[in-house]
């Protein structure tokens, strides 16, 4: 099938690559000429495991073409995807101006009936707006054909987005048009062979399903973080609690890991957008407001623990930071907890030595040159001369460090772990102060001989 995708951001590029990979002929259109030129030269603007190879191979074969000319895309595709960004406006509502801009272009250029598929995450009712916009432009040009608009929300996880596209859990198709449904079934047939994954519903329900899914996951995260905070106050171990509740199949283990809050391009934006949508409809989404509040507070957890350990005086301190991206397997730092922590440390007069397997360029782009930030080439070099280690993102590369190297490199054996990566018992035996989330502070286990000596005489020994 001939497919056009407007927007080569995260969603658009991954979706286009997946469609091309199964044999569809795909043209991607973006107004950013520099980005289009880089893609045509084989440079991928985002880090996503497996994506670069798929994009390059399909571009080489001619199944995936990049253009900055909208007319090229309109002329090519029998199916026209809208996959442009919907950033939050000042009120938190999703800004659909770019979606409607594509709709205007379609209405101004189309010369034949096509199927328009809204892939962008948009407020309920946007598909109706897109259809009205296109129809108005067509009517003004004296065109008598109509263009159906389908809602087809994405459910991609950064770090496994290509895999999610190639092997989706479900394919939501929002339409009441039988012909549009048939076209979408044909388009997605290569992804629907193992068992039936397509769920057809009305357009508005499809739009709400996208928001409801992300907000449910965000709610699980904030709930577990709230339980973690309770566990610290009550002397319980949140990791034990997590295992206890996760074993209930009604709850499950997904998204109940305590930590320092969610970030990225989806959860924060979508929670705020659904709160705004509800308010516009005359309803206050109290649960979602609490979810957002808890997440905002949780991002300060590590800074609070650091301040407590050092008695509130961080001037002149240097902290090794492991992990900058909001989650592993991505270079995305949008609304990342690391940013909240670093900015708070800088405000308190501390310095940061940071390492991330993929997000170093992104950190450089965001913060530029600063005297209180050193971006390091390895996780070990980030430790040199640091007062303590702070683990912010649970990359695999951080899970089994050499604790002897850590103890030697750090000025003091202190670890602040925002993802509960390490064993408290192991860290105690290794002589570390270990702060984690939802568990009691771990202090070094004193060697037996030293424990018998009065505290005032231990320094001499």
Protein backbone atom coordinates (compact mmCIF):
# COMPACT_ATOMS: atom_id res chain seq x y z
CA UNK A 1 0.00 0.00 0.00
CA UNK A 2 1.08 3.59 -0.57
CA UNK A 3 1.37 5.37 2.77
CA UNK A 4 2.30 8.93 3.74
CA UNK A 5 3.36 9.87 7.25
CA UNK A 6 3.34 13.54 8.25
CA UNK A 7 5.88 14.08 11.02
CA UNK A 8 9.16 12.23 11.55
CA UNK A 9 9.34 12.58 15.30
CA UNK A 10 9.41 9.57 17.58
CA UNK A 11 6.02 8.15 16.63
CA UNK A 12 6.08 9.04 12.95
CA UNK A 13 9.54 7.71 12.23
CA UNK A 14 9.05 4.43 14.08
CA UNK A 15 5.63 3.83 12.52
CA UNK A 16 6.93 4.64 9.04
CA UNK A 17 9.91 2.31 9.47
CA UNK A 18 7.68 -0.55 10.62
CA UNK A 19 5.27 -0.10 7.71
CA UNK A 20 8.13 0.01 5.22
CA UNK A 21 9.74 -3.05 6.80
CA UNK A 22 6.70 -5.21 5.95
CA UNK A 23 6.62 -3.95 2.36
CA UNK A 24 4.45 -0.84 2.22
CA UNK A 25 5.69 2.12 0.18
CA UNK A 26 6.12 4.98 2.64
CA UNK A 27 6.84 8.68 2.17
CA UNK A 28 7.63 10.70 5.29
CA UNK A 29 7.04 14.44 5.27
CA UNK A 30 8.39 16.95 7.77
CA UNK A 31 8.68 20.74 7.66
CA UNK A 32 12.14 20.55 9.28
CA UNK A 33 14.36 20.54 6.20
CA UNK A 34 17.52 19.96 8.22
CA UNK A 35 16.03 16.86 9.84
CA UNK A 36 14.86 15.54 6.46
CA UNK A 37 18.31 16.10 4.97
CA UNK A 38 19.96 14.25 7.84
CA UNK A 39 17.58 11.33 7.44
CA UNK A 40 18.31 11.16 3.72
CA UNK A 41 22.01 10.99 4.67
CA UNK A 42 21.36 8.09 7.04
CA UNK A 43 21.47 10.03 10.33
CA UNK A 44 18.72 9.04 12.77
CA UNK A 45 17.64 11.91 15.08
CA UNK A 46 16.66 9.68 18.02
CA UNK A 47 18.12 6.67 19.77
CA UNK A 48 15.86 3.65 19.65
CA UNK A 49 17.23 0.08 19.65
CA UNK A 50 17.08 -1.44 16.15
CA UNK A 51 15.60 1.61 14.47
CA UNK A 52 18.69 2.87 12.66
CA UNK A 53 19.27 -0.37 10.75
CA UNK A 54 15.62 -0.64 9.69
CA UNK A 55 15.44 2.98 8.54
CA UNK A 56 18.66 2.77 6.56
CA UNK A 57 17.80 -0.52 4.87
CA UNK A 58 14.30 0.56 3.82
CA UNK A 59 15.56 3.95 2.69
CA UNK A 60 18.23 2.21 0.62
CA UNK A 61 15.63 -0.08 -0.94
CA UNK A 62 13.35 2.84 -1.82
CA UNK A 63 10.47 1.75 0.39
CA UNK A 64 11.05 4.65 2.79
CA UNK A 65 11.43 8.17 1.37
CA UNK A 66 11.90 11.44 3.25
CA UNK A 67 10.68 14.79 1.93
CA UNK A 68 10.02 18.30 3.22
CA UNK A 69 7.49 18.98 0.43
CA UNK A 70 3.92 18.32 1.65
CA UNK A 71 2.66 17.99 -1.92
CA UNK A 72 4.91 14.96 -2.39
CA UNK A 73 3.24 13.21 0.51
CA UNK A 74 -0.30 14.17 -0.44
CA UNK A 75 0.24 12.95 -4.00
CA UNK A 76 1.77 9.66 -2.88
CA UNK A 77 -0.36 8.18 -0.14
CA UNK A 78 -3.69 6.41 -0.34
CA UNK A 79 -3.41 6.34 3.46
CA UNK A 80 -2.27 9.61 5.06
CA UNK A 81 -0.98 9.39 8.64
CA UNK A 82 -0.88 12.46 10.87
CA UNK A 83 1.90 11.86 13.39
CA UNK A 84 2.97 15.37 14.35
CA UNK A 85 3.60 16.62 17.87
CA UNK A 86 0.91 17.83 20.26
CA UNK A 87 2.90 19.75 22.89
CA UNK A 88 1.13 21.08 25.98
CA UNK A 89 0.04 24.69 25.97
CA UNK A 90 0.17 26.98 29.00
CA UNK A 91 -2.94 25.39 30.51
CA UNK A 92 -1.63 21.85 30.08
CA UNK A 93 -4.02 21.06 27.22
CA UNK A 94 -2.63 19.36 24.12
CA UNK A 95 -1.91 21.89 21.38
CA UNK A 96 -3.38 20.50 18.15
CA UNK A 97 -2.28 23.34 15.85
CA UNK A 98 0.20 21.09 14.01
CA UNK A 99 -2.44 18.41 13.53
CA UNK A 100 -4.86 20.95 12.08
CA UNK A 101 -2.06 22.39 9.93
CA UNK A 102 -1.67 18.99 8.27
CA UNK A 103 -5.44 18.80 7.87
CA UNK A 104 -5.39 22.19 6.12
CA UNK A 105 -2.66 21.00 3.79
CA UNK A 106 -4.60 17.87 2.92
CA UNK A 107 -7.74 19.87 2.21
CA UNK A 108 -5.83 22.33 0.05
CA UNK A 109 -3.95 19.76 -2.04
CA UNK A 110 -5.96 16.53 -2.24
CA UNK A 111 -7.33 15.71 -5.66
CA UNK A 112 -8.78 12.28 -4.86
CA UNK A 113 -10.31 10.42 -1.92
CA UNK A 114 -7.82 9.06 0.62
CA UNK A 115 -7.99 7.70 4.14
CA UNK A 116 -6.66 10.03 6.85
CA UNK A 117 -5.34 8.35 9.98
CA UNK A 118 -4.72 10.38 13.11
CA UNK A 119 -1.75 8.81 14.93
CA UNK A 120 -0.95 11.84 17.08
CA UNK A 121 -2.09 11.83 20.70
CA UNK A 122 -4.96 14.29 20.67
CA UNK A 123 -7.89 15.38 22.85
CA UNK A 124 -11.20 13.62 22.38
CA UNK A 125 -13.02 15.20 19.46
CA UNK A 126 -9.93 16.09 17.42
CA UNK A 127 -10.69 13.61 14.64
CA UNK A 128 -13.99 15.41 14.14
CA UNK A 129 -12.11 18.71 13.91
CA UNK A 130 -9.70 17.26 11.37
CA UNK A 131 -12.56 15.96 9.24
CA UNK A 132 -14.37 19.31 9.39
CA UNK A 133 -11.19 21.17 8.47
CA UNK A 134 -10.47 18.96 5.45
CA UNK A 135 -14.10 19.04 4.27
CA UNK A 136 -14.21 22.83 4.51
CA UNK A 137 -11.08 23.18 2.37
CA UNK A 138 -12.37 20.68 -0.17
CA UNK A 139 -15.73 22.46 -0.37
CA UNK A 140 -13.97 25.79 -0.93
CA UNK A 141 -12.14 24.22 -3.88
CA UNK A 142 -15.32 22.73 -5.31
CA UNK A 143 -14.30 19.13 -4.61
CA UNK A 144 -17.23 16.79 -4.08
CA UNK A 145 -15.51 13.77 -2.49
CA UNK A 146 -15.29 13.22 1.26
CA UNK A 147 -12.33 12.04 3.32
CA UNK A 148 -12.88 9.71 6.30
CA UNK A 149 -10.70 10.31 9.35
CA UNK A 150 -9.72 7.35 11.51
CA UNK A 151 -8.28 7.47 15.02
CA UNK A 152 -5.40 5.00 15.37
CA UNK A 153 -3.56 5.82 18.62
CA UNK A 154 -0.02 4.55 19.23
CA UNK A 155 1.03 2.54 22.27
CA UNK A 156 4.79 2.67 21.92
CA UNK A 157 7.27 2.43 24.77
CA UNK A 158 10.49 4.37 24.29
CA UNK A 159 13.30 1.85 24.28
CA UNK A 160 11.16 -0.84 22.65
CA UNK A 161 9.10 1.24 20.22
CA UNK A 162 10.11 -0.60 17.06
CA UNK A 163 9.36 -3.96 18.67
CA UNK A 164 6.01 -2.60 19.86
CA UNK A 165 5.20 -1.59 16.28
CA UNK A 166 6.27 -4.89 14.76
CA UNK A 167 4.54 -7.01 17.42
CA UNK A 168 1.75 -4.85 18.87
CA UNK A 169 -0.32 -5.89 21.88
CA UNK A 170 -3.39 -4.35 20.27
CA UNK A 171 -4.28 -2.21 17.28
CA UNK A 172 -7.02 0.30 18.08
CA UNK A 173 -9.03 1.52 15.09
CA UNK A 174 -11.54 4.26 15.75
CA UNK A 175 -14.06 4.49 12.91
CA UNK A 176 -17.68 3.83 11.99
CA UNK A 177 -16.86 3.69 8.26
CA UNK A 178 -16.81 0.10 6.91
CA UNK A 179 -14.54 0.95 3.98
CA UNK A 180 -12.08 2.74 6.26
CA UNK A 181 -12.04 -0.25 8.59
CA UNK A 182 -11.34 -2.60 5.67
CA UNK A 183 -8.42 -0.43 4.52
CA UNK A 184 -6.93 -0.33 8.00
CA UNK A 185 -7.25 -4.11 8.33
CA UNK A 186 -5.39 -4.53 5.04
CA UNK A 187 -2.69 -2.07 6.13
CA UNK A 188 -2.10 -3.86 9.44
CA UNK A 189 -2.56 -7.43 8.19
CA UNK A 190 1.20 -8.17 8.40
CA UNK A 191 1.12 -7.28 12.10
CA UNK A 192 -2.06 -9.22 12.83
CA UNK A 193 -1.19 -12.74 11.71
CA UNK A 194 -0.48 -14.50 15.00
CA UNK A 195 -3.84 -13.77 16.56
CA UNK A 196 -6.52 -11.10 16.30
CA UNK A 197 -5.16 -7.85 17.72
CA UNK A 198 -7.46 -5.32 16.05
CA UNK A 199 -10.10 -3.68 18.20
CA UNK A 200 -12.58 -1.46 16.38
CA UNK A 201 -14.54 1.22 18.21
CA UNK A 202 -15.96 4.68 17.62
CA UNK A 203 -13.52 7.53 17.03
CA UNK A 204 -13.95 9.31 20.35
CA UNK A 205 -13.56 6.12 22.35
CA UNK A 206 -10.30 5.42 20.49
CA UNK A 207 -9.01 8.89 21.33
CA UNK A 208 -9.89 8.45 24.99
CA UNK A 209 -8.37 4.94 25.09
CA UNK A 210 -4.93 6.37 24.34
CA UNK A 211 -5.09 8.84 27.23
CA UNK A 212 -6.69 6.33 29.58
CA UNK A 213 -3.89 3.80 28.96
CA UNK A 214 -1.05 6.23 29.69
CA UNK A 215 -2.83 7.75 32.66
CA UNK A 216 -3.49 4.32 34.16
CA UNK A 217 0.22 3.46 33.94
CA UNK A 218 1.19 6.82 35.40
CA UNK A 219 -1.28 6.20 38.22
CA UNK A 220 0.35 2.85 39.05
CA UNK A 221 3.75 4.54 39.23
CA UNK A 222 2.58 7.36 41.47
CA UNK A 223 0.64 4.98 43.68
CA UNK A 224 3.70 2.79 44.20
CA UNK A 225 5.82 5.83 44.97
CA UNK A 226 3.29 6.88 47.57
CA UNK A 227 3.44 3.42 49.14
CA UNK A 228 7.26 3.68 49.09
CA UNK A 229 7.13 6.94 51.01
CA UNK A 230 4.82 5.33 53.56
CA UNK A 231 7.14 2.33 53.86
CA UNK A 232 10.06 4.57 54.82
CA UNK A 233 7.99 6.20 57.57
CA UNK A 234 6.61 2.90 58.84
CA UNK A 235 9.81 0.87 58.75
CA UNK A 236 8.63 -1.45 55.98
CA UNK A 237 10.48 -2.59 52.85
CA UNK A 238 8.68 -1.46 49.70
CA UNK A 239 10.44 -4.11 47.62
CA UNK A 240 8.85 -6.82 49.75
CA UNK A 241 5.51 -5.05 49.40
CA UNK A 242 5.98 -4.87 45.63
CA UNK A 243 6.51 -8.63 45.43
CA UNK A 244 3.53 -9.22 47.67
CA UNK A 245 1.06 -7.19 45.64
CA UNK A 246 2.55 -7.97 42.24
CA UNK A 247 1.87 -11.67 42.74
CA UNK A 248 -1.84 -10.83 42.57
CA UNK A 249 -2.72 -11.28 38.87
CA UNK A 250 -5.25 -8.47 39.16
CA UNK A 251 -2.35 -6.11 39.88
CA UNK A 252 0.71 -7.66 38.23
CA UNK A 253 4.33 -6.57 38.36
CA UNK A 254 4.36 -4.01 35.56
CA UNK A 255 4.75 -0.35 36.52
CA UNK A 256 4.87 -0.93 40.28
CA UNK A 257 8.58 -0.28 40.72
CA UNK A 258 9.23 2.56 43.18
CA UNK A 259 11.57 5.28 42.02
CA UNK A 260 12.01 8.98 41.44
CA UNK A 261 9.01 9.60 39.22
CA UNK A 262 8.06 9.23 35.59
CA UNK A 263 9.22 11.52 32.80
CA UNK A 264 9.51 11.47 29.03
CA UNK A 265 7.33 12.81 26.27
CA UNK A 266 4.11 10.93 27.07
CA UNK A 267 3.06 10.39 30.67
CA UNK A 268 3.52 13.94 32.03
CA UNK A 269 1.96 15.54 28.96
CA UNK A 270 -0.92 13.08 28.68
CA UNK A 271 -1.87 13.26 32.36
CA UNK A 272 -2.03 17.05 32.14
CA UNK A 273 -3.91 16.92 28.85
CA UNK A 274 -6.60 14.57 30.18
CA UNK A 275 -7.01 16.73 33.28
CA UNK A 276 -7.53 19.70 30.97
CA UNK A 277 -9.92 17.78 28.70
CA UNK A 278 -11.99 16.72 31.70
CA UNK A 279 -12.10 20.27 33.01
CA UNK A 280 -13.26 21.54 29.61
CA UNK A 281 -16.09 18.99 29.76
CA UNK A 282 -17.07 20.23 33.24
CA UNK A 283 -15.44 17.45 35.26
CA UNK A 284 -12.55 17.62 37.73
CA UNK A 285 -10.18 14.65 37.39
CA UNK A 286 -9.18 14.52 41.05
CA UNK A 287 -7.34 11.19 40.84
CA UNK A 288 -5.20 12.37 37.92
CA UNK A 289 -4.41 15.63 39.67
CA UNK A 290 -3.16 13.62 42.63
CA UNK A 291 -1.09 11.43 40.29
CA UNK A 292 0.61 14.49 38.82
CA UNK A 293 1.19 16.04 42.25
CA UNK A 294 2.78 12.88 43.65
CA UNK A 295 5.05 12.58 40.60
CA UNK A 296 6.22 16.17 40.86
CA UNK A 297 7.03 15.64 44.55
CA UNK A 298 8.76 12.33 43.87
CA UNK A 299 11.28 13.94 41.56
CA UNK A 300 12.67 15.75 44.61
CA UNK A 301 13.19 12.54 46.59
CA UNK A 302 16.90 12.11 45.88
CA UNK A 303 17.71 15.76 46.54
CA UNK A 304 15.92 15.56 49.89
CA UNK A 305 17.92 12.49 50.89
CA UNK A 306 21.18 14.11 49.78
CA UNK A 307 20.44 17.26 51.77
CA UNK A 308 19.59 15.18 54.83
CA UNK A 309 22.85 13.24 54.68
CA UNK A 310 24.97 16.38 54.40
CA UNK A 311 23.02 18.45 56.88
CA UNK A 312 21.68 20.76 54.19
CA UNK A 313 25.11 22.13 53.20
CA UNK A 314 26.00 21.05 49.66
CA UNK A 315 28.29 23.93 48.71
CA UNK A 316 31.49 22.62 47.18
CA UNK A 317 30.22 19.04 47.02
CA UNK A 318 30.57 17.02 43.81
CA UNK A 319 28.13 14.27 42.89
CA UNK A 320 28.61 11.48 40.37
CA UNK A 321 25.36 10.99 38.47
CA UNK A 322 24.67 7.71 36.68
CA UNK A 323 21.78 8.08 34.26
CA UNK A 324 20.36 11.16 32.56
CA UNK A 325 17.64 9.81 30.26
CA UNK A 326 14.20 9.46 31.81
CA UNK A 327 14.38 5.67 31.36
CA UNK A 328 16.87 3.12 29.95
CA UNK A 329 17.29 2.47 26.22
CA UNK A 330 16.54 6.00 25.13
CA UNK A 331 18.36 9.33 24.92
CA UNK A 332 15.19 11.25 25.81
CA UNK A 333 15.60 13.70 28.69
CA UNK A 334 12.22 15.39 28.43
CA UNK A 335 10.92 15.92 31.98
CA UNK A 336 13.56 13.47 33.23
CA UNK A 337 14.06 13.22 37.02
CA UNK A 338 17.78 13.76 36.44
CA UNK A 339 17.08 17.32 35.32
CA UNK A 340 15.17 18.17 38.49
CA UNK A 341 17.97 16.72 40.60
CA UNK A 342 20.84 18.40 38.76
CA UNK A 343 19.19 21.79 38.77
CA UNK A 344 18.49 21.50 42.50
CA UNK A 345 22.11 20.49 43.18
CA UNK A 346 23.41 23.43 41.18
CA UNK A 347 21.08 25.80 43.00
CA UNK A 348 22.53 24.49 46.27
CA UNK A 349 26.09 25.14 45.12
CA UNK A 350 27.09 21.56 44.22
CA UNK A 351 28.72 20.22 41.07
CA UNK A 352 27.70 17.24 38.93
CA UNK A 353 29.80 14.70 37.05
CA UNK A 354 27.38 12.77 34.87
CA UNK A 355 27.41 9.71 32.64
CA UNK A 356 24.67 8.12 30.55
CA UNK A 357 25.12 5.44 27.85
CA UNK A 358 23.07 7.39 25.28
CA UNK A 359 21.95 10.81 26.55
CA UNK A 360 25.28 12.68 26.68
CA UNK A 361 24.68 14.65 23.48
CA UNK A 362 21.17 15.49 24.63
CA UNK A 363 22.48 16.76 27.97
CA UNK A 364 25.05 18.88 26.12
CA UNK A 365 22.30 20.28 23.89
CA UNK A 366 20.08 21.17 26.86
CA UNK A 367 22.66 22.62 29.25
CA UNK A 368 25.62 23.60 27.10
CA UNK A 369 28.89 24.47 28.82
CA UNK A 370 28.64 24.89 32.59
CA UNK A 371 31.37 25.03 35.20
CA UNK A 372 29.24 22.93 37.55
CA UNK A 373 28.57 20.14 35.02
CA UNK A 374 31.10 17.69 33.64
CA UNK A 375 29.85 15.13 31.15
CA UNK A 376 32.07 12.07 31.46
CA UNK A 377 33.00 9.43 28.92
CA UNK A 378 32.59 6.45 31.25
CA UNK A 379 30.71 5.62 34.42
CA UNK A 380 34.05 5.14 36.20
CA UNK A 381 35.38 8.57 35.22
CA UNK A 382 32.25 10.17 36.65
CA UNK A 383 33.27 8.84 40.07
CA UNK A 384 36.70 10.48 40.19
CA UNK A 385 36.82 13.05 42.95
CA UNK A 386 33.07 12.81 43.67
CA UNK A 387 31.71 12.90 47.20
CA UNK A 388 28.93 10.41 46.49
CA UNK A 389 27.26 8.40 43.72
CA UNK A 390 23.66 9.04 42.68
CA UNK A 391 21.90 6.45 40.50
CA UNK A 392 19.02 8.06 38.62
CA UNK A 393 18.34 5.78 35.63
CA UNK A 394 18.47 1.99 35.87
CA UNK A 395 20.59 1.22 32.80
CA UNK A 396 21.89 -2.36 32.66
CA UNK A 397 25.46 -1.01 32.70
CA UNK A 398 24.91 0.24 36.26
CA UNK A 399 23.50 -2.93 37.80
CA UNK A 400 26.73 -4.74 38.74
CA UNK A 401 29.49 -2.20 39.39
CA UNK A 402 32.81 -2.95 41.04
CA UNK A 403 32.09 -1.73 44.56
CA UNK A 404 35.79 -1.76 45.43
CA UNK A 405 36.37 0.77 42.64
CA UNK A 406 33.41 2.79 43.92
CA UNK A 407 34.72 2.82 47.47
CA UNK A 408 38.17 3.90 46.36
CA UNK A 409 37.05 6.58 43.90
CA UNK A 410 34.45 8.30 46.10
CA UNK A 411 35.47 10.68 48.85
CA UNK A 412 32.96 8.95 51.10
CA UNK A 413 31.28 5.54 50.57
CA UNK A 414 27.78 6.89 49.96
CA UNK A 415 25.26 5.83 47.32
CA UNK A 416 21.89 7.43 46.68
CA UNK A 417 19.92 4.93 44.58
CA UNK A 418 16.77 6.30 42.97
CA UNK A 419 15.82 2.96 41.38
CA UNK A 420 16.56 0.39 44.11
CA UNK A 421 19.12 -1.29 41.89
CA UNK A 422 21.35 -2.65 44.66
CA UNK A 423 21.04 -4.97 47.64
CA UNK A 424 21.00 -3.14 50.99
CA UNK A 425 22.65 -6.12 52.73
CA UNK A 426 25.47 -6.23 50.19
CA UNK A 427 26.10 -2.49 50.45
CA UNK A 428 26.18 -2.66 54.24
CA UNK A 429 28.76 -5.43 54.13
CA UNK A 430 30.80 -3.43 51.64
CA UNK A 431 30.93 -0.49 54.04
CA UNK A 432 28.55 1.92 52.26
CA UNK A 433 25.90 4.31 53.43
CA UNK A 434 23.06 3.38 51.11
CA UNK A 435 19.95 5.47 50.53
CA UNK A 436 17.20 3.95 48.36
CA UNK A 437 13.46 4.47 47.81
CA UNK A 438 10.96 2.98 50.24
CA UNK A 439 13.60 1.17 52.29
CA UNK A 440 15.42 2.08 55.49
CA UNK A 441 18.80 3.81 55.38
CA UNK A 442 21.64 1.30 55.34
CA UNK A 443 24.72 2.06 57.39
CA UNK A 444 28.06 0.30 57.07
CA UNK A 445 28.42 -2.89 59.07
CA UNK A 446 31.28 -2.37 61.51
CA UNK A 447 34.04 -4.98 61.48
CA UNK A 448 33.72 -7.10 64.68
CA UNK A 449 37.09 -6.01 66.13
CA UNK A 450 36.32 -2.35 65.58
CA UNK A 451 32.87 -2.66 67.11
CA UNK A 452 34.48 -3.49 70.47
CA UNK A 453 36.49 -0.27 70.52
CA UNK A 454 34.96 2.86 71.99
CA UNK A 455 33.90 5.31 69.26
CA UNK A 456 36.27 8.06 70.46
CA UNK A 457 39.27 5.75 69.97
CA UNK A 458 38.38 4.27 66.55
CA UNK A 459 39.99 7.03 64.50
CA UNK A 460 43.40 6.13 65.88
CA UNK A 461 42.94 2.54 64.82
